[in-house]
Amino acid sequence: IVVKMHASNKDSKIFSLLKKSINTKIELNDDASVADALKNVKPYLCIGWTSTGLCESLNMNIIPVSLSDKNSEYVDQMVYRIKNRSFFWPEDKTLILDIALNKHKYKSTLDSLRM
């Protein structure tokens, strides 16, 4: 797992919390931008809340997953159509896991998010 902190959230405790609670390798990415981080890491999924990184990831052929509440007023009012262009955790958990386990569905899933 690679974590890219938001520029305004560099001192967040999220990274240290993750390191303590997940039994896997976690590293901090300090690239200047989300686009740079995505280019360098080449992740399978990009996970965020309502970050422009989710938009960047879709543009770079990486499936975006939002941790935001899909039905929140904030998500409804966004200019970027995050509801149509991202999956949501945990609402779309089954679909996200299916894509993670079945690489043949990856391209068609990306295409469906772009419609």
PDB file of N, CA and C in Angstrom:
ATOM      1  N   ILE A   1       0.859  -1.171   0.000  1.00  0.00           N
ATOM      2  CA  ILE A   1       0.000   0.000   0.000  1.00  0.00           C
ATOM      3  C   ILE A   1       0.898   1.224   0.000  1.00  0.00           C
ATOM      4  N   VAL A   2       0.604   2.152  -0.899  1.00  0.00           N
ATOM      5  CA  VAL A   2       1.344   3.403  -0.963  1.00  0.00           C
ATOM      6  C   VAL A   2       0.369   4.523  -0.624  1.00  0.00           C
ATOM      7  N   VAL A   3       0.752   5.385   0.298  1.00  0.00           N
ATOM      8  CA  VAL A   3      -0.097   6.476   0.746  1.00  0.00           C
ATOM      9  C   VAL A   3       0.484   7.790   0.238  1.00  0.00           C
ATOM     10  N   LYS A   4      -0.361   8.587  -0.387  1.00  0.00           N
ATOM     11  CA  LYS A   4       0.013   9.942  -0.829  1.00  0.00           C
ATOM     12  C   LYS A   4      -0.846  10.893  -0.017  1.00  0.00           C
ATOM     13  N   MET A   5      -0.223  11.626   0.877  1.00  0.00           N
ATOM     14  CA  MET A   5      -0.964  12.553   1.723  1.00  0.00           C
ATOM     15  C   MET A   5      -1.339  13.800   0.931  1.00  0.00           C
ATOM     16  N   HIS A   6      -2.476  14.390   1.277  1.00  0.00           N
ATOM     17  CA  HIS A   6      -2.895  15.650   0.677  1.00  0.00           C
ATOM     18  C   HIS A   6      -1.924  16.737   1.124  1.00  0.00           C
ATOM     19  N   ALA A   7      -1.636  17.671   0.256  1.00  0.00           N
ATOM     20  CA  ALA A   7      -0.668  18.725   0.559  1.00  0.00           C
ATOM     21  C   ALA A   7      -1.013  19.499   1.830  1.00  0.00           C
ATOM     22  N   SER A   8      -2.297  19.674   2.103  1.00  0.00           N
ATOM     23  CA  SER A   8      -2.704  20.419   3.296  1.00  0.00           C
ATOM     24  C   SER A   8      -2.773  19.531   4.532  1.00  0.00           C
ATOM     25  N   ASN A   9      -2.436  18.261   4.378  1.00  0.00           N
ATOM     26  CA  ASN A   9      -2.610  17.301   5.466  1.00  0.00           C
ATOM     27  C   ASN A   9      -1.324  16.522   5.741  1.00  0.00           C
ATOM     28  N   LYS A  10      -0.193  17.138   5.552  1.00  0.00           N
ATOM     29  CA  LYS A  10       1.103  16.461   5.682  1.00  0.00           C
ATOM     30  C   LYS A  10       1.356  15.889   7.077  1.00  0.00           C
ATOM     31  N   ASP A  11       0.807  16.513   8.111  1.00  0.00           N
ATOM     32  CA  ASP A  11       1.056  16.057   9.473  1.00  0.00           C
ATOM     33  C   ASP A  11      -0.045  15.133   9.986  1.00  0.00           C
ATOM     34  N   SER A  12      -0.841  14.606   9.085  1.00  0.00           N
ATOM     35  CA  SER A  12      -1.945  13.742   9.478  1.00  0.00           C
ATOM     36  C   SER A  12      -1.457  12.485  10.179  1.00  0.00           C
ATOM     37  N   LYS A  13      -2.277  12.003  11.079  1.00  0.00           N
ATOM     38  CA  LYS A  13      -1.962  10.779  11.813  1.00  0.00           C
ATOM     39  C   LYS A  13      -2.443   9.536  11.056  1.00  0.00           C
ATOM     40  N   ILE A  14      -3.080   9.735   9.906  1.00  0.00           N
ATOM     41  CA  ILE A  14      -3.624   8.609   9.151  1.00  0.00           C
ATOM     42  C   ILE A  14      -2.538   7.609   8.779  1.00  0.00           C
ATOM     43  N   PHE A  15      -1.402   8.095   8.317  1.00  0.00           N
ATOM     44  CA  PHE A  15      -0.334   7.201   7.882  1.00  0.00           C
ATOM     45  C   PHE A  15       0.150   6.330   9.037  1.00  0.00           C
ATOM     46  N   SER A  16       0.428   6.936  10.177  1.00  0.00           N
ATOM     47  CA  SER A  16       0.904   6.144  11.319  1.00  0.00           C
ATOM     48  C   SER A  16      -0.183   5.208  11.834  1.00  0.00           C
ATOM     49  N   LEU A  17      -1.439   5.635  11.755  1.00  0.00           N
ATOM     50  CA  LEU A  17      -2.548   4.760  12.144  1.00  0.00           C
ATOM     51  C   LEU A  17      -2.620   3.533  11.235  1.00  0.00           C
ATOM     52  N   LEU A  18      -2.480   3.760   9.928  1.00  0.00           N
ATOM     53  CA  LEU A  18      -2.492   2.652   8.970  1.00  0.00           C
ATOM     54  C   LEU A  18      -1.366   1.663   9.257  1.00  0.00           C
ATOM     55  N   LYS A  19      -0.176   2.199   9.493  1.00  0.00           N
ATOM     56  CA  LYS A  19       0.981   1.331   9.743  1.00  0.00           C
ATOM     57  C   LYS A  19       0.761   0.439  10.961  1.00  0.00           C
ATOM     58  N   LYS A  20       0.055   0.953  11.948  1.00  0.00           N
ATOM     59  CA  LYS A  20      -0.203   0.183  13.166  1.00  0.00           C
ATOM     60  C   LYS A  20      -1.337  -0.831  12.998  1.00  0.00           C
ATOM     61  N   SER A  21      -2.287  -0.539  12.110  1.00  0.00           N
ATOM     62  CA  SER A  21      -3.489  -1.362  12.050  1.00  0.00           C
ATOM     63  C   SER A  21      -3.547  -2.361  10.897  1.00  0.00           C
ATOM     64  N   ILE A  22      -2.679  -2.231   9.905  1.00  0.00           N
ATOM     65  CA  ILE A  22      -2.717  -3.138   8.753  1.00  0.00           C
ATOM     66  C   ILE A  22      -1.424  -3.930   8.701  1.00  0.00           C
ATOM     67  N   ASN A  23      -1.562  -5.221   8.588  1.00  0.00           N
ATOM     68  CA  ASN A  23      -0.400  -6.106   8.579  1.00  0.00           C
ATOM     69  C   ASN A  23       0.114  -6.302   7.152  1.00  0.00           C
ATOM     70  N   THR A  24       0.594  -5.228   6.552  1.00  0.00           N
ATOM     71  CA  THR A  24       1.180  -5.276   5.220  1.00  0.00           C
ATOM     72  C   THR A  24       2.140  -4.103   5.080  1.00  0.00           C
ATOM     73  N   LYS A  25       2.954  -4.123   4.058  1.00  0.00           N
ATOM     74  CA  LYS A  25       3.920  -3.043   3.846  1.00  0.00           C
ATOM     75  C   LYS A  25       3.183  -1.776   3.411  1.00  0.00           C
ATOM     76  N   ILE A  26       3.455  -0.700   4.118  1.00  0.00           N
ATOM     77  CA  ILE A  26       2.858   0.591   3.789  1.00  0.00           C
ATOM     78  C   ILE A  26       3.982   1.606   3.680  1.00  0.00           C
ATOM     79  N   GLU A  27       3.995   2.344   2.576  1.00  0.00           N
ATOM     80  CA  GLU A  27       5.020   3.369   2.422  1.00  0.00           C
ATOM     81  C   GLU A  27       4.379   4.701   2.066  1.00  0.00           C
ATOM     82  N   LEU A  28       5.055   5.748   2.413  1.00  0.00           N
ATOM     83  CA  LEU A  28       4.581   7.095   2.147  1.00  0.00           C
ATOM     84  C   LEU A  28       5.195   7.589   0.841  1.00  0.00           C
ATOM     85  N   ASN A  29       4.352   8.113  -0.047  1.00  0.00           N
ATOM     86  CA  ASN A  29       4.820   8.653  -1.311  1.00  0.00           C
ATOM     87  C   ASN A  29       4.921  10.163  -1.167  1.00  0.00           C
ATOM     88  N   ASP A  30       6.068  10.718  -1.493  1.00  0.00           N
ATOM     89  CA  ASP A  30       6.240  12.161  -1.345  1.00  0.00           C
ATOM     90  C   ASP A  30       6.412  12.881  -2.681  1.00  0.00           C
ATOM     91  N   ASP A  31       5.880  12.283  -3.752  1.00  0.00           N
ATOM     92  CA  ASP A  31       5.912  12.960  -5.046  1.00  0.00           C
ATOM     93  C   ASP A  31       5.189  14.300  -4.940  1.00  0.00           C
ATOM     94  N   ALA A  32       5.572  15.234  -5.779  1.00  0.00           N
ATOM     95  CA  ALA A  32       5.022  16.586  -5.726  1.00  0.00           C
ATOM     96  C   ALA A  32       3.523  16.624  -6.022  1.00  0.00           C
ATOM     97  N   SER A  33       3.059  15.782  -6.921  1.00  0.00           N
ATOM     98  CA  SER A  33       1.641  15.825  -7.296  1.00  0.00           C
ATOM     99  C   SER A  33       1.060  14.421  -7.334  1.00  0.00           C
ATOM    100  N   VAL A  34      -0.259  14.364  -7.345  1.00  0.00           N
ATOM    101  CA  VAL A  34      -0.943  13.078  -7.457  1.00  0.00           C
ATOM    102  C   VAL A  34      -0.607  12.431  -8.791  1.00  0.00           C
ATOM    103  N   ALA A  35      -0.582  13.235  -9.853  1.00  0.00           N
ATOM    104  CA  ALA A  35      -0.266  12.696 -11.181  1.00  0.00           C
ATOM    105  C   ALA A  35       1.117  12.049 -11.181  1.00  0.00           C
ATOM    106  N   ASP A  36       2.099  12.709 -10.554  1.00  0.00           N
ATOM    107  CA  ASP A  36       3.441  12.134 -10.468  1.00  0.00           C
ATOM    108  C   ASP A  36       3.428  10.833  -9.680  1.00  0.00           C
ATOM    109  N   ALA A  37       2.716  10.832  -8.580  1.00  0.00           N
ATOM    110  CA  ALA A  37       2.632   9.625  -7.753  1.00  0.00           C
ATOM    111  C   ALA A  37       2.000   8.476  -8.538  1.00  0.00           C
ATOM    112  N   LEU A  38       0.929   8.767  -9.267  1.00  0.00           N
ATOM    113  CA  LEU A  38       0.259   7.730 -10.059  1.00  0.00           C
ATOM    114  C   LEU A  38       1.178   7.196 -11.155  1.00  0.00           C
ATOM    115  N   LYS A  39       1.927   8.083 -11.796  1.00  0.00           N
ATOM    116  CA  LYS A  39       2.868   7.658 -12.842  1.00  0.00           C
ATOM    117  C   LYS A  39       3.961   6.767 -12.265  1.00  0.00           C
ATOM    118  N   ASN A  40       4.473   7.131 -11.107  1.00  0.00           N
ATOM    119  CA  ASN A  40       5.593   6.404 -10.508  1.00  0.00           C
ATOM    120  C   ASN A  40       5.180   5.088  -9.847  1.00  0.00           C
ATOM    121  N   VAL A  41       4.042   5.077  -9.215  1.00  0.00           N
ATOM    122  CA  VAL A  41       3.610   3.888  -8.471  1.00  0.00           C
ATOM    123  C   VAL A  41       2.834   2.917  -9.357  1.00  0.00           C
ATOM    124  N   LYS A  42       2.058   3.459 -10.301  1.00  0.00           N
ATOM    125  CA  LYS A  42       1.216   2.649 -11.197  1.00  0.00           C
ATOM    126  C   LYS A  42       0.297   1.707 -10.406  1.00  0.00           C
ATOM    127  N   PRO A  43      -0.558   2.272  -9.561  1.00  0.00           N
ATOM    128  CA  PRO A  43      -1.438   1.421  -8.740  1.00  0.00           C
ATOM    129  C   PRO A  43      -2.568   0.802  -9.547  1.00  0.00           C
ATOM    130  N   TYR A  44      -3.153  -0.220  -9.000  1.00  0.00           N
ATOM    131  CA  TYR A  44      -4.302  -0.894  -9.597  1.00  0.00           C
ATOM    132  C   TYR A  44      -5.577  -0.109  -9.293  1.00  0.00           C
ATOM    133  N   LEU A  45      -5.640   0.457  -8.092  1.00  0.00           N
ATOM    134  CA  LEU A  45      -6.758   1.283  -7.654  1.00  0.00           C
ATOM    135  C   LEU A  45      -6.202   2.552  -7.028  1.00  0.00           C
ATOM    136  N   CYS A  46      -6.958   3.635  -7.124  1.00  0.00           N
ATOM    137  CA  CYS A  46      -6.623   4.869  -6.427  1.00  0.00           C
ATOM    138  C   CYS A  46      -7.763   5.131  -5.460  1.00  0.00           C
ATOM    139  N   ILE A  47      -7.436   5.232  -4.183  1.00  0.00           N
ATOM    140  CA  ILE A  47      -8.463   5.376  -3.153  1.00  0.00           C
ATOM    141  C   ILE A  47      -8.316   6.737  -2.492  1.00  0.00           C
ATOM    142  N   GLY A  48      -9.422   7.454  -2.377  1.00  0.00           N
ATOM    143  CA  GLY A  48      -9.428   8.766  -1.750  1.00  0.00           C
ATOM    144  C   GLY A  48     -10.829   9.109  -1.291  1.00  0.00           C
ATOM    145  N   TRP A  49     -11.033  10.337  -0.870  1.00  0.00           N
ATOM    146  CA  TRP A  49     -12.366  10.760  -0.459  1.00  0.00           C
ATOM    147  C   TRP A  49     -13.020  11.461  -1.639  1.00  0.00           C
ATOM    148  N   THR A  50     -12.828  12.755  -1.762  1.00  0.00           N
ATOM    149  CA  THR A  50     -13.376  13.497  -2.910  1.00  0.00           C
ATOM    150  C   THR A  50     -12.245  14.249  -3.595  1.00  0.00           C
ATOM    151  N   SER A  51     -11.103  13.655  -3.608  1.00  0.00           N
ATOM    152  CA  SER A  51      -9.891  14.269  -4.135  1.00  0.00           C
ATOM    153  C   SER A  51      -9.900  14.362  -5.653  1.00  0.00           C
ATOM    154  N   THR A  52      -9.213  15.389  -6.158  1.00  0.00           N
ATOM    155  CA  THR A  52      -9.015  15.479  -7.607  1.00  0.00           C
ATOM    156  C   THR A  52      -8.142  14.306  -8.075  1.00  0.00           C
ATOM    157  N   GLY A  53      -7.474  13.651  -7.140  1.00  0.00           N
ATOM    158  CA  GLY A  53      -6.682  12.466  -7.471  1.00  0.00           C
ATOM    159  C   GLY A  53      -7.541  11.361  -8.062  1.00  0.00           C
ATOM    160  N   LEU A  54      -8.810  11.304  -7.678  1.00  0.00           N
ATOM    161  CA  LEU A  54      -9.705  10.298  -8.254  1.00  0.00           C
ATOM    162  C   LEU A  54      -9.954  10.591  -9.721  1.00  0.00           C
ATOM    163  N   CYS A  55     -10.116  11.858 -10.054  1.00  0.00           N
ATOM    164  CA  CYS A  55     -10.278  12.269 -11.450  1.00  0.00           C
ATOM    165  C   CYS A  55      -8.994  11.982 -12.225  1.00  0.00           C
ATOM    166  N   GLU A  56      -7.855  12.345 -11.628  1.00  0.00           N
ATOM    167  CA  GLU A  56      -6.550  12.085 -12.264  1.00  0.00           C
ATOM    168  C   GLU A  56      -6.370  10.596 -12.526  1.00  0.00           C
ATOM    169  N   SER A  57      -6.751   9.777 -11.571  1.00  0.00           N
ATOM    170  CA  SER A  57      -6.536   8.340 -11.730  1.00  0.00           C
ATOM    171  C   SER A  57      -7.350   7.793 -12.899  1.00  0.00           C
ATOM    172  N   LEU A  58      -8.593   8.211 -13.021  1.00  0.00           N
ATOM    173  CA  LEU A  58      -9.413   7.736 -14.137  1.00  0.00           C
ATOM    174  C   LEU A  58      -8.806   8.168 -15.469  1.00  0.00           C
ATOM    175  N   ASN A  59      -8.293   9.389 -15.534  1.00  0.00           N
ATOM    176  CA  ASN A  59      -7.628   9.870 -16.752  1.00  0.00           C
ATOM    177  C   ASN A  59      -6.376   9.069 -17.081  1.00  0.00           C
ATOM    178  N   MET A  60      -5.790   8.430 -16.047  1.00  0.00           N
ATOM    179  CA  MET A  60      -4.556   7.663 -16.227  1.00  0.00           C
ATOM    180  C   MET A  60      -4.810   6.149 -16.218  1.00  0.00           C
ATOM    181  N   ASN A  61      -6.056   5.762 -16.476  1.00  0.00           N
ATOM    182  CA  ASN A  61      -6.438   4.349 -16.574  1.00  0.00           C
ATOM    183  C   ASN A  61      -6.270   3.577 -15.269  1.00  0.00           C
ATOM    184  N   ILE A  62      -6.574   4.237 -14.168  1.00  0.00           N
ATOM    185  CA  ILE A  62      -6.539   3.615 -12.852  1.00  0.00           C
ATOM    186  C   ILE A  62      -7.928   3.782 -12.236  1.00  0.00           C
ATOM    187  N   ILE A  63      -8.488   2.721 -11.751  1.00  0.00           N
ATOM    188  CA  ILE A  63      -9.851   2.761 -11.222  1.00  0.00           C
ATOM    189  C   ILE A  63      -9.900   3.540  -9.900  1.00  0.00           C
ATOM    190  N   PRO A  64     -10.756   4.589  -9.841  1.00  0.00           N
ATOM    191  CA  PRO A  64     -10.891   5.381  -8.624  1.00  0.00           C
ATOM    192  C   PRO A  64     -11.931   4.790  -7.671  1.00  0.00           C
ATOM    193  N   VAL A  65     -11.605   4.828  -6.387  1.00  0.00           N
ATOM    194  CA  VAL A  65     -12.516   4.362  -5.341  1.00  0.00           C
ATOM    195  C   VAL A  65     -12.602   5.460  -4.286  1.00  0.00           C
ATOM    196  N   SER A  66     -13.811   5.910  -4.009  1.00  0.00           N
ATOM    197  CA  SER A  66     -14.013   6.968  -3.017  1.00  0.00           C
ATOM    198  C   SER A  66     -14.428   6.360  -1.679  1.00  0.00           C
ATOM    199  N   LEU A  67     -13.911   6.932  -0.613  1.00  0.00           N
ATOM    200  CA  LEU A  67     -14.292   6.542   0.739  1.00  0.00           C
ATOM    201  C   LEU A  67     -15.403   7.439   1.277  1.00  0.00           C
ATOM    202  N   SER A  68     -15.841   8.393   0.462  1.00  0.00           N
ATOM    203  CA  SER A  68     -16.906   9.310   0.865  1.00  0.00           C
ATOM    204  C   SER A  68     -18.249   8.605   0.887  1.00  0.00           C
ATOM    205  N   ASP A  69     -19.182   9.197   1.596  1.00  0.00           N
ATOM    206  CA  ASP A  69     -20.552   8.693   1.600  1.00  0.00           C
ATOM    207  C   ASP A  69     -21.184   9.069   0.254  1.00  0.00           C
ATOM    208  N   LYS A  70     -21.533   8.079  -0.507  1.00  0.00           N
ATOM    209  CA  LYS A  70     -22.064   8.294  -1.858  1.00  0.00           C
ATOM    210  C   LYS A  70     -23.320   9.166  -1.853  1.00  0.00           C
ATOM    211  N   ASN A  71     -24.070   9.105  -0.764  1.00  0.00           N
ATOM    212  CA  ASN A  71     -25.337   9.832  -0.687  1.00  0.00           C
ATOM    213  C   ASN A  71     -25.227  11.158   0.065  1.00  0.00           C
ATOM    214  N   SER A  72     -24.017  11.603   0.317  1.00  0.00           N
ATOM    215  CA  SER A  72     -23.863  12.858   1.057  1.00  0.00           C
ATOM    216  C   SER A  72     -24.198  14.055   0.175  1.00  0.00           C
ATOM    217  N   GLU A  73     -24.628  15.108   0.808  1.00  0.00           N
ATOM    218  CA  GLU A  73     -24.955  16.342   0.106  1.00  0.00           C
ATOM    219  C   GLU A  73     -23.707  16.911  -0.580  1.00  0.00           C
ATOM    220  N   TYR A  74     -22.573  16.757   0.076  1.00  0.00           N
ATOM    221  CA  TYR A  74     -21.310  17.259  -0.475  1.00  0.00           C
ATOM    222  C   TYR A  74     -20.996  16.588  -1.815  1.00  0.00           C
ATOM    223  N   VAL A  75     -21.149  15.281  -1.879  1.00  0.00           N
ATOM    224  CA  VAL A  75     -20.896  14.537  -3.116  1.00  0.00           C
ATOM    225  C   VAL A  75     -21.902  14.947  -4.185  1.00  0.00           C
ATOM    226  N   ASP A  76     -23.154  15.149  -3.791  1.00  0.00           N
ATOM    227  CA  ASP A  76     -24.193  15.566  -4.742  1.00  0.00           C
ATOM    228  C   ASP A  76     -23.898  16.926  -5.369  1.00  0.00           C
ATOM    229  N   GLN A  77     -23.250  17.803  -4.623  1.00  0.00           N
ATOM    230  CA  GLN A  77     -23.016  19.164  -5.095  1.00  0.00           C
ATOM    231  C   GLN A  77     -21.707  19.339  -5.854  1.00  0.00           C
ATOM    232  N   MET A  78     -20.929  18.289  -5.981  1.00  0.00           N
ATOM    233  CA  MET A  78     -19.640  18.410  -6.661  1.00  0.00           C
ATOM    234  C   MET A  78     -19.822  18.642  -8.160  1.00  0.00           C
ATOM    235  N   VAL A  79     -18.978  19.483  -8.724  1.00  0.00           N
ATOM    236  CA  VAL A  79     -19.000  19.731 -10.172  1.00  0.00           C
ATOM    237  C   VAL A  79     -18.560  18.463 -10.901  1.00  0.00           C
ATOM    238  N   TYR A  80     -17.484  17.840 -10.418  1.00  0.00           N
ATOM    239  CA  TYR A  80     -17.019  16.580 -11.001  1.00  0.00           C
ATOM    240  C   TYR A  80     -18.002  15.489 -10.611  1.00  0.00           C
ATOM    241  N   ARG A  81     -18.457  14.722 -11.586  1.00  0.00           N
ATOM    242  CA  ARG A  81     -19.483  13.704 -11.337  1.00  0.00           C
ATOM    243  C   ARG A  81     -18.876  12.458 -10.694  1.00  0.00           C
ATOM    244  N   ILE A  82     -18.451  12.592  -9.472  1.00  0.00           N
ATOM    245  CA  ILE A  82     -17.781  11.503  -8.767  1.00  0.00           C
ATOM    246  C   ILE A  82     -18.691  10.284  -8.626  1.00  0.00           C
ATOM    247  N   LYS A  83     -20.001  10.506  -8.502  1.00  0.00           N
ATOM    248  CA  LYS A  83     -20.941   9.384  -8.359  1.00  0.00           C
ATOM    249  C   LYS A  83     -20.919   8.464  -9.577  1.00  0.00           C
ATOM    250  N   ASN A  84     -20.692   9.046 -10.745  1.00  0.00           N
ATOM    251  CA  ASN A  84     -20.693   8.263 -11.980  1.00  0.00           C
ATOM    252  C   ASN A  84     -19.302   7.812 -12.395  1.00  0.00           C
ATOM    253  N   ARG A  85     -18.284   8.408 -11.818  1.00  0.00           N
ATOM    254  CA  ARG A  85     -16.931   8.176 -12.300  1.00  0.00           C
ATOM    255  C   ARG A  85     -16.025   7.492 -11.283  1.00  0.00           C
ATOM    256  N   SER A  86     -16.590   7.053 -10.183  1.00  0.00           N
ATOM    257  CA  SER A  86     -15.817   6.359  -9.152  1.00  0.00           C
ATOM    258  C   SER A  86     -16.668   5.259  -8.547  1.00  0.00           C
ATOM    259  N   PHE A  87     -15.998   4.317  -7.935  1.00  0.00           N
ATOM    260  CA  PHE A  87     -16.702   3.358  -7.103  1.00  0.00           C
ATOM    261  C   PHE A  87     -16.626   3.859  -5.672  1.00  0.00           C
ATOM    262  N   PHE A  88     -17.517   3.386  -4.840  1.00  0.00           N
ATOM    263  CA  PHE A  88     -17.569   3.822  -3.453  1.00  0.00           C
ATOM    264  C   PHE A  88     -17.410   2.627  -2.525  1.00  0.00           C
ATOM    265  N   TRP A  89     -16.565   2.837  -1.520  1.00  0.00           N
ATOM    266  CA  TRP A  89     -16.352   1.820  -0.487  1.00  0.00           C
ATOM    267  C   TRP A  89     -17.118   2.269   0.738  1.00  0.00           C
ATOM    268  N   PRO A  90     -17.924   1.433   1.338  1.00  0.00           N
ATOM    269  CA  PRO A  90     -18.071   0.002   1.121  1.00  0.00           C
ATOM    270  C   PRO A  90     -19.235  -0.382   0.205  1.00  0.00           C
ATOM    271  N   GLU A  91     -20.002   0.597  -0.311  1.00  0.00           N
ATOM    272  CA  GLU A  91     -21.174   0.271  -1.126  1.00  0.00           C
ATOM    273  C   GLU A  91     -20.858  -0.647  -2.301  1.00  0.00           C
ATOM    274  N   ASP A  92     -19.738  -0.402  -2.974  1.00  0.00           N
ATOM    275  CA  ASP A  92     -19.363  -1.175  -4.162  1.00  0.00           C
ATOM    276  C   ASP A  92     -18.303  -2.232  -3.857  1.00  0.00           C
ATOM    277  N   LYS A  93     -18.218  -2.643  -2.615  1.00  0.00           N
ATOM    278  CA  LYS A  93     -17.182  -3.575  -2.168  1.00  0.00           C
ATOM    279  C   LYS A  93     -17.122  -4.841  -3.023  1.00  0.00           C
ATOM    280  N   THR A  94     -18.259  -5.456  -3.289  1.00  0.00           N
ATOM    281  CA  THR A  94     -18.289  -6.698  -4.064  1.00  0.00           C
ATOM    282  C   THR A  94     -17.718  -6.482  -5.461  1.00  0.00           C
ATOM    283  N   LEU A  95     -18.111  -5.398  -6.106  1.00  0.00           N
ATOM    284  CA  LEU A  95     -17.623  -5.087  -7.453  1.00  0.00           C
ATOM    285  C   LEU A  95     -16.123  -4.774  -7.433  1.00  0.00           C
ATOM    286  N   ILE A  96     -15.685  -4.013  -6.455  1.00  0.00           N
ATOM    287  CA  ILE A  96     -14.262  -3.661  -6.344  1.00  0.00           C
ATOM    288  C   ILE A  96     -13.421  -4.918  -6.143  1.00  0.00           C
ATOM    289  N   LEU A  97     -13.871  -5.805  -5.271  1.00  0.00           N
ATOM    290  CA  LEU A  97     -13.135  -7.054  -5.036  1.00  0.00           C
ATOM    291  C   LEU A  97     -13.139  -7.935  -6.282  1.00  0.00           C
ATOM    292  N   ASP A  98     -14.251  -7.955  -7.005  1.00  0.00           N
ATOM    293  CA  ASP A  98     -14.341  -8.742  -8.233  1.00  0.00           C
ATOM    294  C   ASP A  98     -13.339  -8.232  -9.275  1.00  0.00           C
ATOM    295  N   ILE A  99     -13.243  -6.913  -9.401  1.00  0.00           N
ATOM    296  CA  ILE A  99     -12.290  -6.323 -10.345  1.00  0.00           C
ATOM    297  C   ILE A  99     -10.853  -6.627  -9.912  1.00  0.00           C
ATOM    298  N   ALA A 100     -10.614  -6.555  -8.612  1.00  0.00           N
ATOM    299  CA  ALA A 100      -9.275  -6.824  -8.096  1.00  0.00           C
ATOM    300  C   ALA A 100      -8.856  -8.272  -8.347  1.00  0.00           C
ATOM    301  N   LEU A 101      -9.823  -9.181  -8.361  1.00  0.00           N
ATOM    302  CA  LEU A 101      -9.524 -10.599  -8.553  1.00  0.00           C
ATOM    303  C   LEU A 101      -9.634 -11.046 -10.004  1.00  0.00           C
ATOM    304  N   ASN A 102     -10.230 -10.227 -10.862  1.00  0.00           N
ATOM    305  CA  ASN A 102     -10.458 -10.601 -12.254  1.00  0.00           C
ATOM    306  C   ASN A 102      -9.948  -9.497 -13.179  1.00  0.00           C
ATOM    307  N   LYS A 103      -8.698  -9.588 -13.554  1.00  0.00           N
ATOM    308  CA  LYS A 103      -8.059  -8.543 -14.358  1.00  0.00           C
ATOM    309  C   LYS A 103      -8.702  -8.366 -15.733  1.00  0.00           C
ATOM    310  N   HIS A 104      -9.427  -9.365 -16.215  1.00  0.00           N
ATOM    311  CA  HIS A 104     -10.077  -9.260 -17.525  1.00  0.00           C
ATOM    312  C   HIS A 104     -11.192  -8.218 -17.517  1.00  0.00           C
ATOM    313  N   LYS A 105     -11.731  -7.916 -16.347  1.00  0.00           N
ATOM    314  CA  LYS A 105     -12.824  -6.946 -16.245  1.00  0.00           C
ATOM    315  C   LYS A 105     -12.319  -5.513 -16.093  1.00  0.00           C
ATOM    316  N   TYR A 106     -11.031  -5.352 -15.915  1.00  0.00           N
ATOM    317  CA  TYR A 106     -10.472  -4.039 -15.606  1.00  0.00           C
ATOM    318  C   TYR A 106     -10.768  -3.010 -16.701  1.00  0.00           C
ATOM    319  N   LYS A 107     -10.438  -3.317 -17.954  1.00  0.00           N
ATOM    320  CA  LYS A 107     -10.629  -2.364 -19.061  1.00  0.00           C
ATOM    321  C   LYS A 107     -12.098  -2.019 -19.258  1.00  0.00           C
ATOM    322  N   SER A 108     -12.972  -3.017 -19.241  1.00  0.00           N
ATOM    323  CA  SER A 108     -14.396  -2.728 -19.437  1.00  0.00           C
ATOM    324  C   SER A 108     -14.948  -1.904 -18.273  1.00  0.00           C
ATOM    325  N   THR A 109     -14.410  -2.120 -17.084  1.00  0.00           N
ATOM    326  CA  THR A 109     -14.837  -1.330 -15.925  1.00  0.00           C
ATOM    327  C   THR A 109     -14.391   0.116 -16.086  1.00  0.00           C
ATOM    328  N   LEU A 110     -13.139   0.326 -16.512  1.00  0.00           N
ATOM    329  CA  LEU A 110     -12.677   1.693 -16.783  1.00  0.00           C
ATOM    330  C   LEU A 110     -13.551   2.375 -17.830  1.00  0.00           C
ATOM    331  N   ASP A 111     -13.847   1.665 -18.885  1.00  0.00           N
ATOM    332  CA  ASP A 111     -14.688   2.216 -19.955  1.00  0.00           C
ATOM    333  C   ASP A 111     -16.068   2.617 -19.432  1.00  0.00           C
ATOM    334  N   SER A 112     -16.644   1.798 -18.560  1.00  0.00           N
ATOM    335  CA  SER A 112     -17.977   2.097 -18.025  1.00  0.00           C
ATOM    336  C   SER A 112     -17.950   3.342 -17.131  1.00  0.00           C
ATOM    337  N   LEU A 113     -16.841   3.579 -16.445  1.00  0.00           N
ATOM    338  CA  LEU A 113     -16.735   4.774 -15.596  1.00  0.00           C
ATOM    339  C   LEU A 113     -16.581   6.044 -16.425  1.00  0.00           C
ATOM    340  N   ARG A 114     -16.132   5.917 -17.639  1.00  0.00           N
ATOM    341  CA  ARG A 114     -15.916   7.088 -18.511  1.00  0.00           C
ATOM    342  C   ARG A 114     -17.186   7.517 -19.260  1.00  0.00           C
ATOM    343  N   MET A 115     -18.185   6.698 -19.256  1.00  0.00           N
ATOM    344  CA  MET A 115     -19.414   7.020 -20.008  1.00  0.00           C
ATOM    345  C   MET A 115     -20.177   8.159 -19.371  1.00  0.00           C
TER     346      MET A 115
END
